[in-house]
PDB file of N, CA and C in Angstrom:
ATOM      1  N   MET A   1      -4.839 -12.932 -15.807  1.00  0.00           N
ATOM      2  CA  MET A   1      -5.890 -11.182 -16.133  1.00  0.00           C
ATOM      3  C   MET A   1      -5.127 -10.497 -15.385  1.00  0.00           C
ATOM      4  N   PHE A   2      -4.593  -9.572 -15.706  1.00  0.00           N
ATOM      5  CA  PHE A   2      -3.970  -8.282 -15.317  1.00  0.00           C
ATOM      6  C   PHE A   2      -4.698  -7.117 -15.119  1.00  0.00           C
ATOM      7  N   ARG A   3      -5.150  -6.837 -13.814  1.00  0.00           N
ATOM      8  CA  ARG A   3      -6.070  -5.436 -13.408  1.00  0.00           C
ATOM      9  C   ARG A   3      -5.073  -4.186 -12.712  1.00  0.00           C
ATOM     10  N   LEU A   4      -5.057  -3.133 -13.054  1.00  0.00           N
ATOM     11  CA  LEU A   4      -4.528  -2.162 -12.544  1.00  0.00           C
ATOM     12  C   LEU A   4      -5.172  -1.485 -11.563  1.00  0.00           C
ATOM     13  N   LEU A   5      -4.584  -0.803 -10.281  1.00  0.00           N
ATOM     14  CA  LEU A   5      -5.758   0.232  -9.865  1.00  0.00           C
ATOM     15  C   LEU A   5      -4.509   1.266  -9.279  1.00  0.00           C
ATOM     16  N   CYS A   6      -4.883   2.416  -9.615  1.00  0.00           N
ATOM     17  CA  CYS A   6      -4.034   3.184  -9.336  1.00  0.00           C
ATOM     18  C   CYS A   6      -4.721   4.418  -8.007  1.00  0.00           C
ATOM     19  N   VAL A   7      -3.925   4.577  -7.085  1.00  0.00           N
ATOM     20  CA  VAL A   7      -4.362   5.411  -6.353  1.00  0.00           C
ATOM     21  C   VAL A   7      -3.265   6.591  -5.944  1.00  0.00           C
ATOM     22  N   SER A   8      -3.643   7.742  -6.251  1.00  0.00           N
ATOM     23  CA  SER A   8      -2.414   8.517  -6.062  1.00  0.00           C
ATOM     24  C   SER A   8      -2.863   9.540  -4.678  1.00  0.00           C
ATOM     25  N   ILE A   9      -1.972   9.746  -3.957  1.00  0.00           N
ATOM     26  CA  ILE A   9      -2.038  10.284  -2.549  1.00  0.00           C
ATOM     27  C   ILE A   9      -1.693  11.907  -2.947  1.00  0.00           C
ATOM     28  N   GLY A  10      -2.763  12.593  -2.961  1.00  0.00           N
ATOM     29  CA  GLY A  10      -2.406  14.279  -2.943  1.00  0.00           C
ATOM     30  C   GLY A  10      -2.747  14.722  -4.515  1.00  0.00           C
ATOM     31  N   ASN A  11      -3.224  13.629  -5.160  1.00  0.00           N
ATOM     32  CA  ASN A  11      -3.349  14.185  -6.160  1.00  0.00           C
ATOM     33  C   ASN A  11      -4.912  14.218  -6.886  1.00  0.00           C
ATOM     34  N   PRO A  12      -5.531  15.404  -6.602  1.00  0.00           N
ATOM     35  CA  PRO A  12      -7.424  15.441  -6.581  1.00  0.00           C
ATOM     36  C   PRO A  12      -7.905  14.701  -7.997  1.00  0.00           C
ATOM     37  N   SER A  13      -6.870  15.027  -9.177  1.00  0.00           N
ATOM     38  CA  SER A  13      -7.422  14.774 -10.473  1.00  0.00           C
ATOM     39  C   SER A  13      -7.372  13.230 -10.761  1.00  0.00           C
ATOM     40  N   LEU A  14      -6.669  12.488  -9.950  1.00  0.00           N
ATOM     41  CA  LEU A  14      -7.138  10.897  -9.736  1.00  0.00           C
ATOM     42  C   LEU A  14      -7.890  10.734  -9.038  1.00  0.00           C
ATOM     43  N   SER A  15      -8.743   9.301  -9.619  1.00  0.00           N
ATOM     44  CA  SER A  15      -9.893   8.400  -8.685  1.00  0.00           C
ATOM     45  C   SER A  15      -9.499   6.901  -8.469  1.00  0.00           C
ATOM     46  N   VAL A  16     -10.034   6.440  -8.187  1.00  0.00           N
ATOM     47  CA  VAL A  16      -9.778   4.736  -7.902  1.00  0.00           C
ATOM     48  C   VAL A  16     -11.608   4.271  -8.774  1.00  0.00           C
ATOM     49  N   PHE A  17     -11.034   3.739  -9.306  1.00  0.00           N
ATOM     50  CA  PHE A  17     -12.227   3.226 -10.383  1.00  0.00           C
ATOM     51  C   PHE A  17     -13.534   3.809 -10.344  1.00  0.00           C
ATOM     52  N   GLY A  18     -13.295   4.994 -10.802  1.00  0.00           N
ATOM     53  CA  GLY A  18     -14.337   6.116 -11.301  1.00  0.00           C
ATOM     54  C   GLY A  18     -14.646   6.696  -9.642  1.00  0.00           C
ATOM     55  N   ARG A  19     -14.279   6.197  -8.723  1.00  0.00           N
ATOM     56  CA  ARG A  19     -14.679   7.144  -7.505  1.00  0.00           C
ATOM     57  C   ARG A  19     -14.330   8.396  -7.519  1.00  0.00           C
ATOM     58  N   SER A  20     -14.984   9.197  -6.595  1.00  0.00           N
ATOM     59  CA  SER A  20     -14.766  10.646  -6.257  1.00  0.00           C
ATOM     60  C   SER A  20     -13.162  10.827  -6.211  1.00  0.00           C
ATOM     61  N   PRO A  21     -12.844  11.708  -6.695  1.00  0.00           N
ATOM     62  CA  PRO A  21     -11.170  12.018  -6.847  1.00  0.00           C
ATOM     63  C   PRO A  21     -10.905  12.314  -5.562  1.00  0.00           C
ATOM     64  N   LEU A  22      -9.708  11.529  -5.104  1.00  0.00           N
ATOM     65  CA  LEU A  22      -9.061  11.685  -3.785  1.00  0.00           C
ATOM     66  C   LEU A  22      -8.655  12.912  -3.318  1.00  0.00           C
ATOM     67  N   ALA A  23      -9.143  13.382  -2.231  1.00  0.00           N
ATOM     68  CA  ALA A  23      -8.333  14.934  -1.636  1.00  0.00           C
ATOM     69  C   ALA A  23      -6.769  14.380  -0.901  1.00  0.00           C
ATOM     70  N   ALA A  24      -6.240  15.162  -0.738  1.00  0.00           N
ATOM     71  CA  ALA A  24      -5.130  14.798   0.394  1.00  0.00           C
ATOM     72  C   ALA A  24      -5.138  13.747   0.742  1.00  0.00           C
ATOM     73  N   GLN A  25      -4.114  12.578   0.575  1.00  0.00           N
ATOM     74  CA  GLN A  25      -4.360  11.503   1.574  1.00  0.00           C
ATOM     75  C   GLN A  25      -2.761  10.761   2.469  1.00  0.00           C
ATOM     76  N   THR A  26      -3.041  10.348   3.628  1.00  0.00           N
ATOM     77  CA  THR A  26      -2.013  10.084   4.400  1.00  0.00           C
ATOM     78  C   THR A  26      -1.351   8.992   3.790  1.00  0.00           C
ATOM     79  N   LEU A  27      -0.337   8.313   3.714  1.00  0.00           N
ATOM     80  CA  LEU A  27       0.586   7.358   3.368  1.00  0.00           C
ATOM     81  C   LEU A  27      -0.413   6.062   3.510  1.00  0.00           C
ATOM     82  N   HIS A  28      -0.955   5.687   5.170  1.00  0.00           N
ATOM     83  CA  HIS A  28      -1.263   4.804   5.419  1.00  0.00           C
ATOM     84  C   HIS A  28      -2.759   4.684   4.835  1.00  0.00           C
ATOM     85  N   ASP A  29      -3.647   5.997   4.634  1.00  0.00           N
ATOM     86  CA  ASP A  29      -4.809   6.005   4.167  1.00  0.00           C
ATOM     87  C   ASP A  29      -4.770   5.198   2.839  1.00  0.00           C
ATOM     88  N   GLY A  30      -3.843   6.071   2.018  1.00  0.00           N
ATOM     89  CA  GLY A  30      -3.775   5.802   0.492  1.00  0.00           C
ATOM     90  C   GLY A  30      -3.289   4.056   0.113  1.00  0.00           C
ATOM     91  N   TRP A  31      -2.436   3.638   1.166  1.00  0.00           N
ATOM     92  CA  TRP A  31      -2.207   2.170   1.087  1.00  0.00           C
ATOM     93  C   TRP A  31      -3.594   1.440   1.468  1.00  0.00           C
ATOM     94  N   LEU A  32      -4.229   1.533   2.513  1.00  0.00           N
ATOM     95  CA  LEU A  32      -5.202   0.731   3.049  1.00  0.00           C
ATOM     96  C   LEU A  32      -6.281   1.032   1.835  1.00  0.00           C
ATOM     97  N   LEU A  33      -6.614   2.094   1.283  1.00  0.00           N
ATOM     98  CA  LEU A  33      -7.498   1.989   0.332  1.00  0.00           C
ATOM     99  C   LEU A  33      -7.038   1.215  -0.742  1.00  0.00           C
ATOM    100  N   GLY A  34      -5.839   1.258  -1.473  1.00  0.00           N
ATOM    101  CA  GLY A  34      -5.666   0.311  -2.284  1.00  0.00           C
ATOM    102  C   GLY A  34      -5.695  -1.071  -1.949  1.00  0.00           C
ATOM    103  N   ALA A  35      -5.111  -1.238  -0.437  1.00  0.00           N
ATOM    104  CA  ALA A  35      -5.182  -2.919  -0.163  1.00  0.00           C
ATOM    105  C   ALA A  35      -6.708  -3.441  -0.259  1.00  0.00           C
ATOM    106  N   GLU A  36      -7.782  -2.374   0.240  1.00  0.00           N
ATOM    107  CA  GLU A  36      -8.996  -2.859   0.554  1.00  0.00           C
ATOM    108  C   GLU A  36      -9.574  -3.032  -0.815  1.00  0.00           C
ATOM    109  N   GLU A  37      -9.188  -2.235  -1.810  1.00  0.00           N
ATOM    110  CA  GLU A  37      -9.933  -2.418  -2.946  1.00  0.00           C
ATOM    111  C   GLU A  37      -9.371  -3.926  -3.971  1.00  0.00           C
ATOM    112  N   VAL A  38      -7.921  -4.265  -4.030  1.00  0.00           N
ATOM    113  CA  VAL A  38      -7.514  -5.460  -4.212  1.00  0.00           C
ATOM    114  C   VAL A  38      -7.924  -6.681  -3.371  1.00  0.00           C
ATOM    115  N   ALA A  39      -8.416  -6.860  -2.275  1.00  0.00           N
ATOM    116  CA  ALA A  39      -9.583  -7.175  -1.367  1.00  0.00           C
ATOM    117  C   ALA A  39     -10.223  -7.618  -1.811  1.00  0.00           C
ATOM    118  N   ARG A  40     -11.215  -6.692  -2.287  1.00  0.00           N
ATOM    119  CA  ARG A  40     -12.374  -6.774  -3.147  1.00  0.00           C
ATOM    120  C   ARG A  40     -12.680  -7.282  -4.066  1.00  0.00           C
ATOM    121  N   GLN A  41     -11.454  -7.164  -4.901  1.00  0.00           N
ATOM    122  CA  GLN A  41     -11.620  -7.480  -6.578  1.00  0.00           C
ATOM    123  C   GLN A  41     -10.568  -8.820  -6.914  1.00  0.00           C
ATOM    124  N   LYS A  42      -9.711  -9.329  -5.460  1.00  0.00           N
ATOM    125  CA  LYS A  42      -9.184 -10.957  -5.898  1.00  0.00           C
ATOM    126  C   LYS A  42      -9.954 -11.654  -6.432  1.00  0.00           C
ATOM    127  N   THR A  43      -9.159 -12.521  -7.026  1.00  0.00           N
ATOM    128  CA  THR A  43      -9.874 -13.945  -7.430  1.00  0.00           C
ATOM    129  C   THR A  43      -8.803 -14.875  -6.990  1.00  0.00           C
ATOM    130  N   PRO A  44      -8.849 -16.199  -7.205  1.00  0.00           N
ATOM    131  CA  PRO A  44      -8.024 -17.410  -6.522  1.00  0.00           C
ATOM    132  C   PRO A  44      -6.675 -17.414  -7.886  1.00  0.00           C
ATOM    133  N   THR A  45      -6.889 -17.349  -9.196  1.00  0.00           N
ATOM    134  CA  THR A  45      -5.817 -16.945  -9.832  1.00  0.00           C
ATOM    135  C   THR A  45      -5.129 -15.660  -9.978  1.00  0.00           C
ATOM    136  N   SER A  46      -5.331 -14.789  -9.152  1.00  0.00           N
ATOM    137  CA  SER A  46      -5.122 -13.348  -9.727  1.00  0.00           C
ATOM    138  C   SER A  46      -3.839 -12.981  -8.464  1.00  0.00           C
ATOM    139  N   LEU A  47      -3.072 -12.180  -9.086  1.00  0.00           N
ATOM    140  CA  LEU A  47      -1.698 -11.815  -8.147  1.00  0.00           C
ATOM    141  C   LEU A  47      -2.298 -10.693  -7.635  1.00  0.00           C
ATOM    142  N   ASN A  48      -2.661 -10.771  -6.186  1.00  0.00           N
ATOM    143  CA  ASN A  48      -3.488  -9.877  -5.172  1.00  0.00           C
ATOM    144  C   ASN A  48      -2.355  -9.066  -4.495  1.00  0.00           C
ATOM    145  N   ARG A  49      -1.742  -7.824  -5.135  1.00  0.00           N
ATOM    146  CA  ARG A  49      -0.869  -7.532  -4.478  1.00  0.00           C
ATOM    147  C   ARG A  49      -1.000  -5.763  -4.618  1.00  0.00           C
ATOM    148  N   VAL A  50      -0.461  -5.394  -3.544  1.00  0.00           N
ATOM    149  CA  VAL A  50      -0.442  -3.761  -3.622  1.00  0.00           C
ATOM    150  C   VAL A  50       0.810  -3.093  -3.595  1.00  0.00           C
ATOM    151  N   LEU A  51       1.479  -2.331  -5.033  1.00  0.00           N
ATOM    152  CA  LEU A  51       2.553  -1.837  -4.816  1.00  0.00           C
ATOM    153  C   LEU A  51       2.871  -0.577  -4.610  1.00  0.00           C
ATOM    154  N   LEU A  52       3.275   0.048  -3.662  1.00  0.00           N
ATOM    155  CA  LEU A  52       3.133   1.138  -2.966  1.00  0.00           C
ATOM    156  C   LEU A  52       5.072   1.984  -3.074  1.00  0.00           C
ATOM    157  N   LEU A  53       4.425   3.179  -4.282  1.00  0.00           N
ATOM    158  CA  LEU A  53       5.780   3.858  -4.283  1.00  0.00           C
ATOM    159  C   LEU A  53       5.604   4.957  -3.695  1.00  0.00           C
ATOM    160  N   SER A  54       6.288   4.974  -2.897  1.00  0.00           N
ATOM    161  CA  SER A  54       6.516   6.030  -1.981  1.00  0.00           C
ATOM    162  C   SER A  54       7.334   6.908  -1.175  1.00  0.00           C
ATOM    163  N   ASP A  55       7.919   7.722  -0.568  1.00  0.00           N
ATOM    164  CA  ASP A  55       9.209   8.228   0.034  1.00  0.00           C
ATOM    165  C   ASP A  55       9.161   7.570   1.213  1.00  0.00           C
ATOM    166  N   GLY A  56       7.822   6.746   1.780  1.00  0.00           N
ATOM    167  CA  GLY A  56       7.742   6.406   3.237  1.00  0.00           C
ATOM    168  C   GLY A  56       7.624   7.125   4.405  1.00  0.00           C
ATOM    169  N   ASN A  57       7.438   8.185   3.876  1.00  0.00           N
ATOM    170  CA  ASN A  57       7.373   9.641   5.187  1.00  0.00           C
ATOM    171  C   ASN A  57       5.525   9.899   5.772  1.00  0.00           C
ATOM    172  N   ALA A  58       5.837   8.653   6.451  1.00  0.00           N
ATOM    173  CA  ALA A  58       4.278   8.830   7.379  1.00  0.00           C
ATOM    174  C   ALA A  58       4.521  10.064   8.488  1.00  0.00           C
ATOM    175  N   ASN A  59       3.992  11.219   7.384  1.00  0.00           N
ATOM    176  CA  ASN A  59       3.910  12.438   8.283  1.00  0.00           C
ATOM    177  C   ASN A  59       2.315  12.851   8.616  1.00  0.00           C
ATOM    178  N   VAL A  60       1.604  12.440   8.411  1.00  0.00           N
ATOM    179  CA  VAL A  60      -0.360  12.583   8.548  1.00  0.00           C
ATOM    180  C   VAL A  60      -0.663  11.294   8.801  1.00  0.00           C
ATOM    181  N   GLY A  61      -1.697  11.287   9.449  1.00  0.00           N
ATOM    182  CA  GLY A  61      -2.548   9.919   9.608  1.00  0.00           C
ATOM    183  C   GLY A  61      -1.567   8.800  10.722  1.00  0.00           C
ATOM    184  N   LEU A  62      -2.156   7.572  10.106  1.00  0.00           N
ATOM    185  CA  LEU A  62      -0.897   6.648  11.311  1.00  0.00           C
ATOM    186  C   LEU A  62       0.283   6.917  10.803  1.00  0.00           C
ATOM    187  N   GLN A  63       1.201   6.751  11.632  1.00  0.00           N
ATOM    188  CA  GLN A  63       2.567   6.594  11.664  1.00  0.00           C
ATOM    189  C   GLN A  63       3.471   5.762  12.414  1.00  0.00           C
ATOM    190  N   ASP A  64       2.820   4.787  12.977  1.00  0.00           N
ATOM    191  CA  ASP A  64       3.211   3.621  13.921  1.00  0.00           C
ATOM    192  C   ASP A  64       3.799   2.786  12.847  1.00  0.00           C
ATOM    193  N   VAL A  65       4.980   2.626  12.897  1.00  0.00           N
ATOM    194  CA  VAL A  65       5.271   1.528  11.684  1.00  0.00           C
ATOM    195  C   VAL A  65       5.076   0.206  12.205  1.00  0.00           C
ATOM    196  N   ASP A  66       4.603  -0.370  14.060  1.00  0.00           N
ATOM    197  CA  ASP A  66       4.760  -1.554  13.950  1.00  0.00           C
ATOM    198  C   ASP A  66       3.353  -2.019  13.803  1.00  0.00           C
ATOM    199  N   ALA A  67       1.940  -0.538  13.845  1.00  0.00           N
ATOM    200  CA  ALA A  67       1.107  -1.125  13.671  1.00  0.00           C
ATOM    201  C   ALA A  67       0.452  -1.336  11.914  1.00  0.00           C
ATOM    202  N   ILE A  68       1.200  -0.559  11.131  1.00  0.00           N
ATOM    203  CA  ILE A  68       1.236  -0.249   9.861  1.00  0.00           C
ATOM    204  C   ILE A  68       1.764  -2.061   9.386  1.00  0.00           C
ATOM    205  N   LYS A  69       2.882  -2.131   9.796  1.00  0.00           N
ATOM    206  CA  LYS A  69       3.366  -3.459   9.438  1.00  0.00           C
ATOM    207  C   LYS A  69       2.240  -4.927  10.052  1.00  0.00           C
ATOM    208  N   SER A  70       1.422  -4.799  11.002  1.00  0.00           N
ATOM    209  CA  SER A  70       0.698  -5.466  11.881  1.00  0.00           C
ATOM    210  C   SER A  70      -0.561  -5.630  10.381  1.00  0.00           C
ATOM    211  N   GLN A  71      -0.998  -4.500  10.071  1.00  0.00           N
ATOM    212  CA  GLN A  71      -1.752  -4.608   9.072  1.00  0.00           C
ATOM    213  C   GLN A  71      -1.778  -5.210   7.865  1.00  0.00           C
ATOM    214  N   CYS A  72      -0.339  -5.109   7.471  1.00  0.00           N
ATOM    215  CA  CYS A  72       0.285  -5.705   5.974  1.00  0.00           C
ATOM    216  C   CYS A  72      -0.163  -6.997   6.912  1.00  0.00           C
ATOM    217  N   ALA A  73       0.842  -7.748   7.757  1.00  0.00           N
ATOM    218  CA  ALA A  73       0.492  -9.240   7.759  1.00  0.00           C
ATOM    219  C   ALA A  73      -0.476  -9.669   7.910  1.00  0.00           C
ATOM    220  N   GLN A  74      -1.871  -9.075   8.355  1.00  0.00           N
ATOM    221  CA  GLN A  74      -3.160  -9.556   8.311  1.00  0.00           C
ATOM    222  C   GLN A  74      -3.516  -9.614   7.249  1.00  0.00           C
ATOM    223  N   LEU A  75      -3.262  -8.587   6.063  1.00  0.00           N
ATOM    224  CA  LEU A  75      -3.963  -8.704   4.612  1.00  0.00           C
ATOM    225  C   LEU A  75      -3.308  -9.525   4.095  1.00  0.00           C
ATOM    226  N   ALA A  76      -1.665 -10.240   4.359  1.00  0.00           N
ATOM    227  CA  ALA A  76      -1.353 -11.182   3.904  1.00  0.00           C
ATOM    228  C   ALA A  76      -1.799 -12.258   4.073  1.00  0.00           C
ATOM    229  N   ASP A  77      -2.465 -12.551   5.414  1.00  0.00           N
ATOM    230  CA  ASP A  77      -2.983 -13.513   5.972  1.00  0.00           C
ATOM    231  C   ASP A  77      -4.415 -13.905   5.026  1.00  0.00           C
ATOM    232  N   ASN A  78      -5.085 -12.499   4.258  1.00  0.00           N
ATOM    233  CA  ASN A  78      -5.983 -12.893   3.631  1.00  0.00           C
ATOM    234  C   ASN A  78      -5.744 -13.055   2.041  1.00  0.00           C
ATOM    235  N   GLU A  79      -4.245 -13.157   1.627  1.00  0.00           N
ATOM    236  CA  GLU A  79      -3.661 -13.100   0.313  1.00  0.00           C
ATOM    237  C   GLU A  79      -3.780 -11.843  -0.413  1.00  0.00           C
ATOM    238  N   VAL A  80      -3.362 -10.825   0.370  1.00  0.00           N
ATOM    239  CA  VAL A  80      -3.353  -9.662  -0.034  1.00  0.00           C
ATOM    240  C   VAL A  80      -1.915  -9.083   0.324  1.00  0.00           C
ATOM    241  N   THR A  81      -0.997  -8.915  -0.657  1.00  0.00           N
ATOM    242  CA  THR A  81       0.519  -8.830   0.101  1.00  0.00           C
ATOM    243  C   THR A  81       0.705  -7.037  -0.526  1.00  0.00           C
ATOM    244  N   THR A  82       1.893  -6.539   0.394  1.00  0.00           N
ATOM    245  CA  THR A  82       2.272  -5.353  -0.210  1.00  0.00           C
ATOM    246  C   THR A  82       3.910  -5.418  -1.000  1.00  0.00           C
ATOM    247  N   SER A  83       3.937  -4.775  -1.667  1.00  0.00           N
ATOM    248  CA  SER A  83       5.667  -4.568  -2.197  1.00  0.00           C
ATOM    249  C   SER A  83       5.914  -2.915  -1.900  1.00  0.00           C
ATOM    250  N   THR A  84       6.804  -3.265  -1.718  1.00  0.00           N
ATOM    251  CA  THR A  84       7.083  -1.058  -1.858  1.00  0.00           C
ATOM    252  C   THR A  84       8.438  -0.789  -2.467  1.00  0.00           C
ATOM    253  N   TYR A  85       8.401   0.270  -2.883  1.00  0.00           N
ATOM    254  CA  TYR A  85       9.714   0.728  -3.740  1.00  0.00           C
ATOM    255  C   TYR A  85       9.685   2.176  -2.938  1.00  0.00           C
ATOM    256  N   GLY A  86      10.777   2.294  -2.741  1.00  0.00           N
ATOM    257  CA  GLY A  86      11.011   3.921  -1.648  1.00  0.00           C
ATOM    258  C   GLY A  86      11.855   4.507  -2.908  1.00  0.00           C
ATOM    259  N   LEU A  87      11.071   5.789  -2.935  1.00  0.00           N
ATOM    260  CA  LEU A  87      11.635   6.983  -3.745  1.00  0.00           C
ATOM    261  C   LEU A  87      12.522   7.955  -2.944  1.00  0.00           C
ATOM    262  N   ASP A  88      13.262   8.822  -3.855  1.00  0.00           N
ATOM    263  CA  ASP A  88      13.713   9.759  -3.300  1.00  0.00           C
ATOM    264  C   ASP A  88      14.993   9.287  -2.316  1.00  0.00           C
ATOM    265  N   HIS A  89      16.385   9.991  -2.088  1.00  0.00           N
ATOM    266  CA  HIS A  89      17.251   9.449  -1.761  1.00  0.00           C
ATOM    267  C   HIS A  89      17.244   9.435  -0.199  1.00  0.00           C
ATOM    268  N   GLN A  90      16.100   9.774   0.181  1.00  0.00           N
ATOM    269  CA  GLN A  90      15.991  10.042   1.942  1.00  0.00           C
ATOM    270  C   GLN A  90      14.515   9.133   2.036  1.00  0.00           C
ATOM    271  N   PHE A  91      14.389   8.244   1.333  1.00  0.00           N
ATOM    272  CA  PHE A  91      12.884   7.742   1.592  1.00  0.00           C
ATOM    273  C   PHE A  91      12.924   7.020   3.261  1.00  0.00           C
ATOM    274  N   ASN A  92      11.948   6.730   3.588  1.00  0.00           N
ATOM    275  CA  ASN A  92      11.968   6.183   5.064  1.00  0.00           C
ATOM    276  C   ASN A  92      12.343   4.466   4.835  1.00  0.00           C
ATOM    277  N   GLU A  93      13.224   3.919   5.124  1.00  0.00           N
ATOM    278  CA  GLU A  93      13.350   2.704   5.017  1.00  0.00           C
ATOM    279  C   GLU A  93      12.904   1.525   6.007  1.00  0.00           C
ATOM    280  N   HIS A  94      12.892   1.956   6.856  1.00  0.00           N
ATOM    281  CA  HIS A  94      12.572   1.727   8.349  1.00  0.00           C
ATOM    282  C   HIS A  94      10.750   1.100   7.997  1.00  0.00           C
ATOM    283  N   LEU A  95      10.203   2.131   7.454  1.00  0.00           N
ATOM    284  CA  LEU A  95       8.548   1.866   7.210  1.00  0.00           C
ATOM    285  C   LEU A  95       8.401   1.050   6.116  1.00  0.00           C
ATOM    286  N   MET A  96       9.054   1.565   5.064  1.00  0.00           N
ATOM    287  CA  MET A  96       9.047   0.713   3.431  1.00  0.00           C
ATOM    288  C   MET A  96       9.152  -0.924   3.611  1.00  0.00           C
ATOM    289  N   ILE A  97      10.454  -1.221   4.233  1.00  0.00           N
ATOM    290  CA  ILE A  97      10.977  -2.547   4.536  1.00  0.00           C
ATOM    291  C   ILE A  97      10.144  -3.079   5.330  1.00  0.00           C
ATOM    292  N   GLY A  98       9.708  -2.299   6.582  1.00  0.00           N
ATOM    293  CA  GLY A  98       8.943  -3.205   7.628  1.00  0.00           C
ATOM    294  C   GLY A  98       7.392  -3.277   6.871  1.00  0.00           C
ATOM    295  N   MET A  99       7.033  -2.475   6.141  1.00  0.00           N
ATOM    296  CA  MET A  99       5.350  -2.943   5.330  1.00  0.00           C
ATOM    297  C   MET A  99       5.445  -4.177   4.528  1.00  0.00           C
ATOM    298  N   ALA A 100       6.666  -4.183   3.909  1.00  0.00           N
ATOM    299  CA  ALA A 100       7.136  -5.193   2.589  1.00  0.00           C
ATOM    300  C   ALA A 100       7.261  -6.720   3.908  1.00  0.00           C
ATOM    301  N   ASP A 101       7.821  -6.392   4.686  1.00  0.00           N
ATOM    302  CA  ASP A 101       8.420  -7.584   5.583  1.00  0.00           C
ATOM    303  C   ASP A 101       7.440  -8.118   6.308  1.00  0.00           C
ATOM    304  N   GLY A 102       6.137  -7.233   6.792  1.00  0.00           N
ATOM    305  CA  GLY A 102       5.070  -7.603   7.296  1.00  0.00           C
ATOM    306  C   GLY A 102       3.944  -8.433   6.636  1.00  0.00           C
ATOM    307  N   SER A 103       4.386  -8.273   5.432  1.00  0.00           N
ATOM    308  CA  SER A 103       3.549  -8.791   4.458  1.00  0.00           C
ATOM    309  C   SER A 103       3.809 -10.222   3.885  1.00  0.00           C
ATOM    310  N   ARG A 104       5.073 -10.125   3.823  1.00  0.00           N
ATOM    311  CA  ARG A 104       5.897 -11.674   3.570  1.00  0.00           C
ATOM    312  C   ARG A 104       7.032 -11.680   3.938  1.00  0.00           C
ATOM    313  N   PRO A 105       7.198 -12.056   5.266  1.00  0.00           N
ATOM    314  CA  PRO A 105       8.854 -11.985   6.117  1.00  0.00           C
ATOM    315  C   PRO A 105       9.688 -12.688   5.258  1.00  0.00           C
ATOM    316  N   GLY A 106      10.837 -11.750   5.127  1.00  0.00           N
ATOM    317  CA  GLY A 106      12.082 -12.524   4.299  1.00  0.00           C
ATOM    318  C   GLY A 106      11.925 -12.290   2.873  1.00  0.00           C
ATOM    319  N   LEU A 107      11.054 -11.852   2.450  1.00  0.00           N
ATOM    320  CA  LEU A 107      10.947 -11.707   0.697  1.00  0.00           C
ATOM    321  C   LEU A 107      11.452 -10.190   0.450  1.00  0.00           C
ATOM    322  N   LEU A 108      12.790  -9.486   0.261  1.00  0.00           N
ATOM    323  CA  LEU A 108      13.173  -8.284  -0.084  1.00  0.00           C
ATOM    324  C   LEU A 108      14.479  -8.652  -0.681  1.00  0.00           C
ATOM    325  N   TRP A 109      14.454  -7.925  -1.700  1.00  0.00           N
ATOM    326  CA  TRP A 109      15.010  -7.503  -2.936  1.00  0.00           C
ATOM    327  C   TRP A 109      15.888  -6.212  -2.889  1.00  0.00           C
TER     328      TRP A 109
END
């Protein structure tokens, strides 16, 4: 079974599973909202992964790479992983790779 959850950061016209539209969110808050929803919806046979498409510039909210990476590792311990895809030619490689590595160390493509 495949279910897709879309969280749009900064686009108030989109919502998560019929919830209220999201106002402007931070990278961390948007990612965490998606990860928590995946954790709630996970099943033993599902691929429980958050795919973060971002420029990786956490300039509002939690910005500490080590703290965010630690949260990715905690979620991975609960079988919810994070994959990241950096957008733009100046995406924050340190944060995006840190999140993916925190989720599943050594799995970089």
